[in-house]
């Protein structure tokens, strides 16, 4: 999805008449961190060094990013600092996916043309980038609960949910980095989050138990480009979502957090119909 460093803040009131129930949310979407970004390299080579060493060097340095390239750490830090400076009283932070720069995921159709060594190297770089993103969030927002969903650039294969031998290891990393090691998330329902994340990358985060919950939906399973089709996982996630909504308490409100939203034109039609029919 397109790169956007910083989204506007959202204010959410649980009660229209009670100022005590007013919470402030930050939304930081499509970070697309590019760790290899070089400020003097051309977008023709995506602002990263060529393996051949024949780089196109530009006469100016673009320390905060260059059009045609993904986001350097300097810009991510500046955006986080701006959000923090303007909103020191931030209650919650939502990350709707695509925290990884383009080019690290592997297109499913190209997998046979990439050597195992090259494939693993890209995957390790992708995981290291995720660790770097969570480290930045720990640095700037250590005490703020942070809730995320997976984007199409965040797993090993582009637009594919984790599957096969990579699935459990990736979801374990996801839970450890975003929840187990983030101080601001220690008050959440971590055991439940860990359990359903391991099932397929979806979970509920009880921000205010009984009142406000974020349902994090793994929309990668339902997009048209998902070549690794798992009907069972799709059905499990939909059954989980239906249970969350149908069993909600009388005062409970939800945010549904996902990267590829249902009306974006990417969803498989049968599942889009299901959501329209049910809700």
C-alpha atoms as a PDB file:
ATOM      1  CA  UNK A   1       0.000   0.000   0.000  1.00  0.00           C
ATOM      2  CA  UNK A   2       1.102   3.606  -0.402  1.00  0.00           C
ATOM      3  CA  UNK A   3       3.591   5.141   1.983  1.00  0.00           C
ATOM      4  CA  UNK A   4       2.235   7.594   4.541  1.00  0.00           C
ATOM      5  CA  UNK A   5       4.427   8.550   7.466  1.00  0.00           C
ATOM      6  CA  UNK A   6       1.883  10.131   9.787  1.00  0.00           C
ATOM      7  CA  UNK A   7      -1.881  10.162  10.011  1.00  0.00           C
ATOM      8  CA  UNK A   8      -4.101  12.607  11.865  1.00  0.00           C
ATOM      9  CA  UNK A   9      -5.020  11.980  15.453  1.00  0.00           C
ATOM     10  CA  UNK A  10      -8.410  10.519  16.230  1.00  0.00           C
ATOM     11  CA  UNK A  11     -10.485  11.377  19.270  1.00  0.00           C
ATOM     12  CA  UNK A  12     -13.008   8.851  20.515  1.00  0.00           C
ATOM     13  CA  UNK A  13     -15.632   9.435  23.191  1.00  0.00           C
ATOM     14  CA  UNK A  14     -17.294   6.453  24.826  1.00  0.00           C
ATOM     15  CA  UNK A  15     -20.010   8.729  26.081  1.00  0.00           C
ATOM     16  CA  UNK A  16     -21.220  11.917  24.441  1.00  0.00           C
ATOM     17  CA  UNK A  17     -21.910  13.512  27.820  1.00  0.00           C
ATOM     18  CA  UNK A  18     -19.025  12.256  29.965  1.00  0.00           C
ATOM     19  CA  UNK A  19     -15.691  14.030  29.590  1.00  0.00           C
ATOM     20  CA  UNK A  20     -14.198  11.348  31.837  1.00  0.00           C
ATOM     21  CA  UNK A  21     -14.488   8.894  28.951  1.00  0.00           C
ATOM     22  CA  UNK A  22     -12.594  10.897  26.346  1.00  0.00           C
ATOM     23  CA  UNK A  23      -9.482   9.183  24.975  1.00  0.00           C
ATOM     24  CA  UNK A  24      -6.858  10.361  22.543  1.00  0.00           C
ATOM     25  CA  UNK A  25      -5.577   8.024  19.813  1.00  0.00           C
ATOM     26  CA  UNK A  26      -2.578   8.399  17.563  1.00  0.00           C
ATOM     27  CA  UNK A  27      -2.566   6.628  14.205  1.00  0.00           C
ATOM     28  CA  UNK A  28       0.812   5.896  12.646  1.00  0.00           C
ATOM     29  CA  UNK A  29       0.241   4.088   9.363  1.00  0.00           C
ATOM     30  CA  UNK A  30       2.392   2.844   6.476  1.00  0.00           C
ATOM     31  CA  UNK A  31       5.718   3.628   8.118  1.00  0.00           C
ATOM     32  CA  UNK A  32       7.638   1.698   5.425  1.00  0.00           C
ATOM     33  CA  UNK A  33      10.974   2.033   7.195  1.00  0.00           C
ATOM     34  CA  UNK A  34      13.956   1.616   4.851  1.00  0.00           C
ATOM     35  CA  UNK A  35      17.042   0.839   6.945  1.00  0.00           C
ATOM     36  CA  UNK A  36      19.420   0.875   3.947  1.00  0.00           C
ATOM     37  CA  UNK A  37      18.352   4.350   2.791  1.00  0.00           C
ATOM     38  CA  UNK A  38      21.229   6.580   1.651  1.00  0.00           C
ATOM     39  CA  UNK A  39      20.438  10.321   1.374  1.00  0.00           C
ATOM     40  CA  UNK A  40      22.638  10.923  -1.700  1.00  0.00           C
ATOM     41  CA  UNK A  41      21.531   7.999  -3.863  1.00  0.00           C
ATOM     42  CA  UNK A  42      19.073   8.150  -6.739  1.00  0.00           C
ATOM     43  CA  UNK A  43      15.485   6.893  -6.602  1.00  0.00           C
ATOM     44  CA  UNK A  44      16.361   4.998  -9.783  1.00  0.00           C
ATOM     45  CA  UNK A  45      18.050   2.535  -7.427  1.00  0.00           C
ATOM     46  CA  UNK A  46      15.505   3.110  -4.655  1.00  0.00           C
ATOM     47  CA  UNK A  47      18.009   5.173  -2.596  1.00  0.00           C
ATOM     48  CA  UNK A  48      19.902   2.044  -1.524  1.00  0.00           C
ATOM     49  CA  UNK A  49      23.401   0.927  -2.574  1.00  0.00           C
ATOM     50  CA  UNK A  50      23.682  -1.402  -5.549  1.00  0.00           C
ATOM     51  CA  UNK A  51      25.290  -4.765  -4.923  1.00  0.00           C
ATOM     52  CA  UNK A  52      27.498  -4.097  -7.955  1.00  0.00           C
ATOM     53  CA  UNK A  53      28.826  -0.903  -6.389  1.00  0.00           C
ATOM     54  CA  UNK A  54      27.868   1.231  -9.413  1.00  0.00           C
ATOM     55  CA  UNK A  55      25.717   3.749  -7.550  1.00  0.00           C
ATOM     56  CA  UNK A  56      24.023   6.817  -9.029  1.00  0.00           C
ATOM     57  CA  UNK A  57      25.194   9.531  -6.618  1.00  0.00           C
ATOM     58  CA  UNK A  58      23.211  12.777  -6.541  1.00  0.00           C
ATOM     59  CA  UNK A  59      24.688  16.214  -5.749  1.00  0.00           C
ATOM     60  CA  UNK A  60      22.320  16.828  -2.830  1.00  0.00           C
ATOM     61  CA  UNK A  61      21.535  14.895   0.334  1.00  0.00           C
ATOM     62  CA  UNK A  62      17.883  14.218   1.186  1.00  0.00           C
ATOM     63  CA  UNK A  63      18.176  13.300   4.850  1.00  0.00           C
ATOM     64  CA  UNK A  64      14.423  13.227   5.460  1.00  0.00           C
ATOM     65  CA  UNK A  65      13.497  11.172   2.430  1.00  0.00           C
ATOM     66  CA  UNK A  66      13.373  11.423  -1.330  1.00  0.00           C
ATOM     67  CA  UNK A  67      10.385  11.105  -3.655  1.00  0.00           C
ATOM     68  CA  UNK A  68      10.341   7.618  -5.151  1.00  0.00           C
ATOM     69  CA  UNK A  69      11.964   5.949  -2.141  1.00  0.00           C
ATOM     70  CA  UNK A  70      10.725   4.592   1.151  1.00  0.00           C
ATOM     71  CA  UNK A  71      11.141   6.277   4.509  1.00  0.00           C
ATOM     72  CA  UNK A  72      14.508   6.755   6.258  1.00  0.00           C
ATOM     73  CA  UNK A  73      14.826   6.474  10.010  1.00  0.00           C
ATOM     74  CA  UNK A  74      15.396  10.234  10.313  1.00  0.00           C
ATOM     75  CA  UNK A  75      11.875  10.925   9.016  1.00  0.00           C
ATOM     76  CA  UNK A  76      10.290   8.230  11.186  1.00  0.00           C
ATOM     77  CA  UNK A  77      11.984   9.724  14.236  1.00  0.00           C
ATOM     78  CA  UNK A  78      10.882  13.233  13.276  1.00  0.00           C
ATOM     79  CA  UNK A  79       7.269  12.104  12.829  1.00  0.00           C
ATOM     80  CA  UNK A  80       7.235  10.259  16.152  1.00  0.00           C
ATOM     81  CA  UNK A  81       8.796  13.228  17.926  1.00  0.00           C
ATOM     82  CA  UNK A  82       6.217  15.585  16.413  1.00  0.00           C
ATOM     83  CA  UNK A  83       3.377  13.346  17.510  1.00  0.00           C
ATOM     84  CA  UNK A  84       4.863  13.135  20.992  1.00  0.00           C
ATOM     85  CA  UNK A  85       5.496  16.898  21.278  1.00  0.00           C
ATOM     86  CA  UNK A  86       1.991  17.824  20.182  1.00  0.00           C
ATOM     87  CA  UNK A  87       0.277  15.050  22.152  1.00  0.00           C
ATOM     88  CA  UNK A  88       2.153  14.279  25.370  1.00  0.00           C
ATOM     89  CA  UNK A  89      -1.121  12.973  26.810  1.00  0.00           C
ATOM     90  CA  UNK A  90      -1.627  10.323  24.119  1.00  0.00           C
ATOM     91  CA  UNK A  91      -3.658   7.380  25.466  1.00  0.00           C
ATOM     92  CA  UNK A  92      -3.316   4.798  22.694  1.00  0.00           C
ATOM     93  CA  UNK A  93      -1.404   4.322  19.456  1.00  0.00           C
ATOM     94  CA  UNK A  94      -2.692   2.351  16.450  1.00  0.00           C
ATOM     95  CA  UNK A  95      -0.351   0.983  13.749  1.00  0.00           C
ATOM     96  CA  UNK A  96      -2.511  -0.321  10.843  1.00  0.00           C
ATOM     97  CA  UNK A  97       0.322  -2.144   9.082  1.00  0.00           C
ATOM     98  CA  UNK A  98       3.059  -1.757   6.469  1.00  0.00           C
ATOM     99  CA  UNK A  99       5.810  -0.894   8.902  1.00  0.00           C
ATOM    100  CA  UNK A 100       8.352  -2.554   6.547  1.00  0.00           C
ATOM    101  CA  UNK A 101       9.798  -0.828   3.470  1.00  0.00           C
ATOM    102  CA  UNK A 102       8.972  -2.109  -0.002  1.00  0.00           C
ATOM    103  CA  UNK A 103      11.278  -4.591  -1.662  1.00  0.00           C
ATOM    104  CA  UNK A 104      11.973  -6.926   1.256  1.00  0.00           C
ATOM    105  CA  UNK A 105       8.925  -9.094   0.728  1.00  0.00           C
ATOM    106  CA  UNK A 106       9.086 -11.646  -2.086  1.00  0.00           C
ATOM    107  CA  UNK A 107       6.466 -11.757  -4.823  1.00  0.00           C
ATOM    108  CA  UNK A 108       4.935 -15.214  -4.710  1.00  0.00           C
ATOM    109  CA  UNK A 109       5.282 -15.710  -8.463  1.00  0.00           C
ATOM    110  CA  UNK A 110       9.012 -14.867  -8.333  1.00  0.00           C
ATOM    111  CA  UNK A 111       9.902 -17.229  -5.511  1.00  0.00           C
ATOM    112  CA  UNK A 112      11.295 -19.930  -7.827  1.00  0.00           C
ATOM    113  CA  UNK A 113      13.714 -17.426  -9.386  1.00  0.00           C
ATOM    114  CA  UNK A 114      15.320 -16.432  -6.069  1.00  0.00           C
ATOM    115  CA  UNK A 115      17.981 -18.560  -4.417  1.00  0.00           C
ATOM    116  CA  UNK A 116      17.316 -19.892  -0.944  1.00  0.00           C
ATOM    117  CA  UNK A 117      20.217 -17.859   0.426  1.00  0.00           C
ATOM    118  CA  UNK A 118      18.918 -14.630  -1.094  1.00  0.00           C
ATOM    119  CA  UNK A 119      15.397 -15.383   0.081  1.00  0.00           C
ATOM    120  CA  UNK A 120      16.530 -15.961   3.653  1.00  0.00           C
ATOM    121  CA  UNK A 121      18.689 -12.831   3.609  1.00  0.00           C
ATOM    122  CA  UNK A 122      15.705 -10.685   2.614  1.00  0.00           C
ATOM    123  CA  UNK A 123      13.527 -12.332   5.224  1.00  0.00           C
ATOM    124  CA  UNK A 124      16.101 -11.696   7.963  1.00  0.00           C
ATOM    125  CA  UNK A 125      16.344  -8.065   6.870  1.00  0.00           C
ATOM    126  CA  UNK A 126      12.555  -7.802   7.016  1.00  0.00           C
ATOM    127  CA  UNK A 127      12.470  -9.195  10.568  1.00  0.00           C
ATOM    128  CA  UNK A 128      15.312  -6.895  11.614  1.00  0.00           C
ATOM    129  CA  UNK A 129      13.358  -3.920  10.252  1.00  0.00           C
ATOM    130  CA  UNK A 130      10.349  -4.941  12.324  1.00  0.00           C
ATOM    131  CA  UNK A 131      12.545  -5.142  15.429  1.00  0.00           C
ATOM    132  CA  UNK A 132      13.877  -1.677  14.609  1.00  0.00           C
ATOM    133  CA  UNK A 133      10.370  -0.229  14.281  1.00  0.00           C
ATOM    134  CA  UNK A 134       9.293  -1.621  17.649  1.00  0.00           C
ATOM    135  CA  UNK A 135      12.506  -0.322  19.234  1.00  0.00           C
ATOM    136  CA  UNK A 136      11.624   3.179  18.007  1.00  0.00           C
ATOM    137  CA  UNK A 137       8.111   2.857  19.431  1.00  0.00           C
ATOM    138  CA  UNK A 138       9.584   1.722  22.746  1.00  0.00           C
ATOM    139  CA  UNK A 139      11.862   4.756  22.723  1.00  0.00           C
ATOM    140  CA  UNK A 140       9.253   7.405  21.910  1.00  0.00           C
ATOM    141  CA  UNK A 141       6.074   5.861  23.374  1.00  0.00           C
ATOM    142  CA  UNK A 142       7.238   3.504  26.147  1.00  0.00           C
ATOM    143  CA  UNK A 143       4.137   3.917  28.293  1.00  0.00           C
ATOM    144  CA  UNK A 144       1.488   4.107  25.553  1.00  0.00           C
ATOM    145  CA  UNK A 145      -0.413   0.931  24.599  1.00  0.00           C
ATOM    146  CA  UNK A 146       0.426   0.177  20.947  1.00  0.00           C
ATOM    147  CA  UNK A 147      -1.836  -2.006  18.803  1.00  0.00           C
ATOM    148  CA  UNK A 148      -0.917  -3.139  15.291  1.00  0.00           C
ATOM    149  CA  UNK A 149      -2.244  -5.101  12.329  1.00  0.00           C
ATOM    150  CA  UNK A 150      -0.336  -6.754   9.496  1.00  0.00           C
ATOM    151  CA  UNK A 151       0.135  -5.022   6.151  1.00  0.00           C
ATOM    152  CA  UNK A 152       0.887  -6.484   2.746  1.00  0.00           C
ATOM    153  CA  UNK A 153       4.606  -5.639   3.080  1.00  0.00           C
ATOM    154  CA  UNK A 154       5.113  -7.051   6.575  1.00  0.00           C
ATOM    155  CA  UNK A 155       5.485 -10.816   6.042  1.00  0.00           C
ATOM    156  CA  UNK A 156       7.923 -12.868   3.955  1.00  0.00           C
ATOM    157  CA  UNK A 157       5.761 -12.963   0.824  1.00  0.00           C
ATOM    158  CA  UNK A 158       4.069  -9.891  -0.618  1.00  0.00           C
ATOM    159  CA  UNK A 159       0.325  -9.826   0.098  1.00  0.00           C
ATOM    160  CA  UNK A 160       0.557 -13.284   1.709  1.00  0.00           C
ATOM    161  CA  UNK A 161      -0.108 -14.069   5.362  1.00  0.00           C
ATOM    162  CA  UNK A 162       2.657 -16.109   7.011  1.00  0.00           C
ATOM    163  CA  UNK A 163       2.301 -19.797   6.160  1.00  0.00           C
ATOM    164  CA  UNK A 164       4.146 -23.091   6.255  1.00  0.00           C
ATOM    165  CA  UNK A 165       7.486 -23.293   8.061  1.00  0.00           C
ATOM    166  CA  UNK A 166       7.609 -19.516   8.567  1.00  0.00           C
ATOM    167  CA  UNK A 167       4.194 -19.125  10.194  1.00  0.00           C
ATOM    168  CA  UNK A 168       4.764 -19.929  13.863  1.00  0.00           C
ATOM    169  CA  UNK A 169       8.198 -18.330  14.027  1.00  0.00           C
ATOM    170  CA  UNK A 170       6.896 -15.112  12.512  1.00  0.00           C
ATOM    171  CA  UNK A 171       3.864 -14.876  14.780  1.00  0.00           C
ATOM    172  CA  UNK A 172       6.084 -15.572  17.786  1.00  0.00           C
ATOM    173  CA  UNK A 173       8.325 -12.664  16.752  1.00  0.00           C
ATOM    174  CA  UNK A 174       5.253 -10.490  16.249  1.00  0.00           C
ATOM    175  CA  UNK A 175       3.974 -11.120  19.772  1.00  0.00           C
ATOM    176  CA  UNK A 176       7.387 -10.767  21.421  1.00  0.00           C
ATOM    177  CA  UNK A 177       8.280  -7.485  19.730  1.00  0.00           C
ATOM    178  CA  UNK A 178       4.916  -5.729  19.795  1.00  0.00           C
ATOM    179  CA  UNK A 179       3.517  -6.980  23.090  1.00  0.00           C
ATOM    180  CA  UNK A 180       5.841  -8.927  25.363  1.00  0.00           C
ATOM    181  CA  UNK A 181       8.657  -6.358  25.113  1.00  0.00           C
ATOM    182  CA  UNK A 182       6.650  -3.134  24.893  1.00  0.00           C
ATOM    183  CA  UNK A 183       6.229  -1.615  28.385  1.00  0.00           C
ATOM    184  CA  UNK A 184       2.993   0.166  27.504  1.00  0.00           C
ATOM    185  CA  UNK A 185       1.287  -3.098  26.557  1.00  0.00           C
ATOM    186  CA  UNK A 186       1.857  -4.924  29.830  1.00  0.00           C
ATOM    187  CA  UNK A 187      -1.629  -4.034  31.058  1.00  0.00           C
ATOM    188  CA  UNK A 188      -3.340  -5.677  28.073  1.00  0.00           C
ATOM    189  CA  UNK A 189      -4.848  -9.167  27.900  1.00  0.00           C
ATOM    190  CA  UNK A 190      -1.530 -10.659  26.767  1.00  0.00           C
ATOM    191  CA  UNK A 191      -2.331 -14.359  27.201  1.00  0.00           C
ATOM    192  CA  UNK A 192      -5.351 -14.092  24.905  1.00  0.00           C
ATOM    193  CA  UNK A 193      -3.440 -11.945  22.406  1.00  0.00           C
ATOM    194  CA  UNK A 194      -0.626 -14.500  22.264  1.00  0.00           C
ATOM    195  CA  UNK A 195      -3.047 -17.384  21.733  1.00  0.00           C
ATOM    196  CA  UNK A 196      -4.997 -15.988  18.780  1.00  0.00           C
ATOM    197  CA  UNK A 197      -1.957 -14.314  17.200  1.00  0.00           C
ATOM    198  CA  UNK A 198      -0.384 -17.780  17.010  1.00  0.00           C
ATOM    199  CA  UNK A 199      -3.531 -19.082  15.283  1.00  0.00           C
ATOM    200  CA  UNK A 200      -3.337 -16.646  12.393  1.00  0.00           C
ATOM    201  CA  UNK A 201      -2.319 -13.109  13.307  1.00  0.00           C
ATOM    202  CA  UNK A 202      -5.619 -11.833  14.698  1.00  0.00           C
ATOM    203  CA  UNK A 203      -6.442 -10.770  18.255  1.00  0.00           C
ATOM    204  CA  UNK A 204      -8.493  -8.543  20.521  1.00  0.00           C
ATOM    205  CA  UNK A 205      -6.790  -5.867  22.607  1.00  0.00           C
ATOM    206  CA  UNK A 206      -8.873  -4.753  25.587  1.00  0.00           C
ATOM    207  CA  UNK A 207      -7.843  -1.127  25.988  1.00  0.00           C
ATOM    208  CA  UNK A 208     -10.579  -0.415  28.537  1.00  0.00           C
ATOM    209  CA  UNK A 209     -11.941  -3.814  29.657  1.00  0.00           C
ATOM    210  CA  UNK A 210     -15.666  -4.049  29.115  1.00  0.00           C
ATOM    211  CA  UNK A 211     -15.806  -0.678  27.383  1.00  0.00           C
ATOM    212  CA  UNK A 212     -13.315  -0.273  24.549  1.00  0.00           C
ATOM    213  CA  UNK A 213     -11.663  -3.065  22.538  1.00  0.00           C
ATOM    214  CA  UNK A 214      -9.634  -3.092  19.345  1.00  0.00           C
ATOM    215  CA  UNK A 215     -10.227  -6.115  17.108  1.00  0.00           C
ATOM    216  CA  UNK A 216      -7.116  -6.617  14.991  1.00  0.00           C
ATOM    217  CA  UNK A 217      -8.029  -8.422  11.804  1.00  0.00           C
ATOM    218  CA  UNK A 218      -5.511 -10.162   9.526  1.00  0.00           C
ATOM    219  CA  UNK A 219      -6.901  -8.947   6.203  1.00  0.00           C
ATOM    220  CA  UNK A 220      -4.037 -10.568   4.265  1.00  0.00           C
ATOM    221  CA  UNK A 221      -6.017 -13.802   4.360  1.00  0.00           C
ATOM    222  CA  UNK A 222      -8.878 -12.285   2.378  1.00  0.00           C
ATOM    223  CA  UNK A 223      -7.181 -10.259  -0.331  1.00  0.00           C
ATOM    224  CA  UNK A 224      -7.299 -11.316  -3.988  1.00  0.00           C
ATOM    225  CA  UNK A 225      -3.520 -11.686  -4.221  1.00  0.00           C
ATOM    226  CA  UNK A 226      -3.354 -14.327  -1.495  1.00  0.00           C
ATOM    227  CA  UNK A 227      -1.984 -17.328  -3.366  1.00  0.00           C
ATOM    228  CA  UNK A 228      -1.585 -19.509  -0.281  1.00  0.00           C
ATOM    229  CA  UNK A 229      -5.294 -20.047   0.277  1.00  0.00           C
ATOM    230  CA  UNK A 230      -6.274 -21.533   3.628  1.00  0.00           C
ATOM    231  CA  UNK A 231     -10.029 -21.827   3.790  1.00  0.00           C
ATOM    232  CA  UNK A 232      -9.862 -23.151   7.350  1.00  0.00           C
ATOM    233  CA  UNK A 233      -7.935 -20.131   8.634  1.00  0.00           C
ATOM    234  CA  UNK A 234     -10.330 -17.768   6.869  1.00  0.00           C
ATOM    235  CA  UNK A 235     -13.323 -19.485   8.448  1.00  0.00           C
ATOM    236  CA  UNK A 236     -11.658 -19.543  11.866  1.00  0.00           C
ATOM    237  CA  UNK A 237     -10.980 -15.816  11.746  1.00  0.00           C
ATOM    238  CA  UNK A 238     -14.513 -14.978  10.614  1.00  0.00           C
ATOM    239  CA  UNK A 239     -15.969 -17.191  13.357  1.00  0.00           C
ATOM    240  CA  UNK A 240     -13.718 -15.414  15.864  1.00  0.00           C
ATOM    241  CA  UNK A 241     -14.831 -11.992  14.606  1.00  0.00           C
ATOM    242  CA  UNK A 242     -18.497 -12.936  14.743  1.00  0.00           C
ATOM    243  CA  UNK A 243     -18.084 -14.227  18.304  1.00  0.00           C
ATOM    244  CA  UNK A 244     -16.417 -10.976  19.417  1.00  0.00           C
ATOM    245  CA  UNK A 245     -19.254  -8.864  18.064  1.00  0.00           C
ATOM    246  CA  UNK A 246     -22.172 -11.092  19.024  1.00  0.00           C
ATOM    247  CA  UNK A 247     -20.933 -11.715  22.578  1.00  0.00           C
ATOM    248  CA  UNK A 248     -20.015  -8.110  23.357  1.00  0.00           C
ATOM    249  CA  UNK A 249     -21.186  -6.538  26.583  1.00  0.00           C
ATOM    250  CA  UNK A 250     -23.888  -3.856  26.541  1.00  0.00           C
ATOM    251  CA  UNK A 251     -21.381  -1.022  26.996  1.00  0.00           C
ATOM    252  CA  UNK A 252     -18.551  -2.417  24.880  1.00  0.00           C
ATOM    253  CA  UNK A 253     -17.451  -0.558  21.755  1.00  0.00           C
ATOM    254  CA  UNK A 254     -14.987  -1.727  19.121  1.00  0.00           C
ATOM    255  CA  UNK A 255     -12.419  -0.464  16.687  1.00  0.00           C
ATOM    256  CA  UNK A 256     -11.822  -2.898  13.824  1.00  0.00           C
ATOM    257  CA  UNK A 257      -8.186  -2.489  12.801  1.00  0.00           C
ATOM    258  CA  UNK A 258      -6.941  -3.893   9.492  1.00  0.00           C
ATOM    259  CA  UNK A 259      -4.604  -2.851   6.697  1.00  0.00           C
ATOM    260  CA  UNK A 260      -6.480  -3.883   3.547  1.00  0.00           C
ATOM    261  CA  UNK A 261      -9.946  -2.602   4.369  1.00  0.00           C
ATOM    262  CA  UNK A 262     -12.937  -4.446   2.974  1.00  0.00           C
ATOM    263  CA  UNK A 263     -14.014  -1.744   0.482  1.00  0.00           C
ATOM    264  CA  UNK A 264     -10.521  -1.235  -1.005  1.00  0.00           C
ATOM    265  CA  UNK A 265     -11.293  -3.485  -3.965  1.00  0.00           C
ATOM    266  CA  UNK A 266      -8.806  -6.162  -2.917  1.00  0.00           C
ATOM    267  CA  UNK A 267     -11.054  -8.504  -0.983  1.00  0.00           C
ATOM    268  CA  UNK A 268     -12.248 -11.864  -2.298  1.00  0.00           C
ATOM    269  CA  UNK A 269     -15.937 -11.371  -3.112  1.00  0.00           C
ATOM    270  CA  UNK A 270     -17.423 -14.242  -1.041  1.00  0.00           C
ATOM    271  CA  UNK A 271     -15.922 -12.833   2.152  1.00  0.00           C
ATOM    272  CA  UNK A 272     -16.865  -9.275   1.295  1.00  0.00           C
ATOM    273  CA  UNK A 273     -20.441 -10.478   0.839  1.00  0.00           C
ATOM    274  CA  UNK A 274     -20.274 -12.180   4.248  1.00  0.00           C
ATOM    275  CA  UNK A 275     -19.394  -8.956   6.029  1.00  0.00           C
ATOM    276  CA  UNK A 276     -22.048  -6.971   4.155  1.00  0.00           C
ATOM    277  CA  UNK A 277     -24.718  -9.584   4.948  1.00  0.00           C
ATOM    278  CA  UNK A 278     -23.827  -9.948   8.615  1.00  0.00           C
ATOM    279  CA  UNK A 279     -22.962  -6.378   9.606  1.00  0.00           C
END
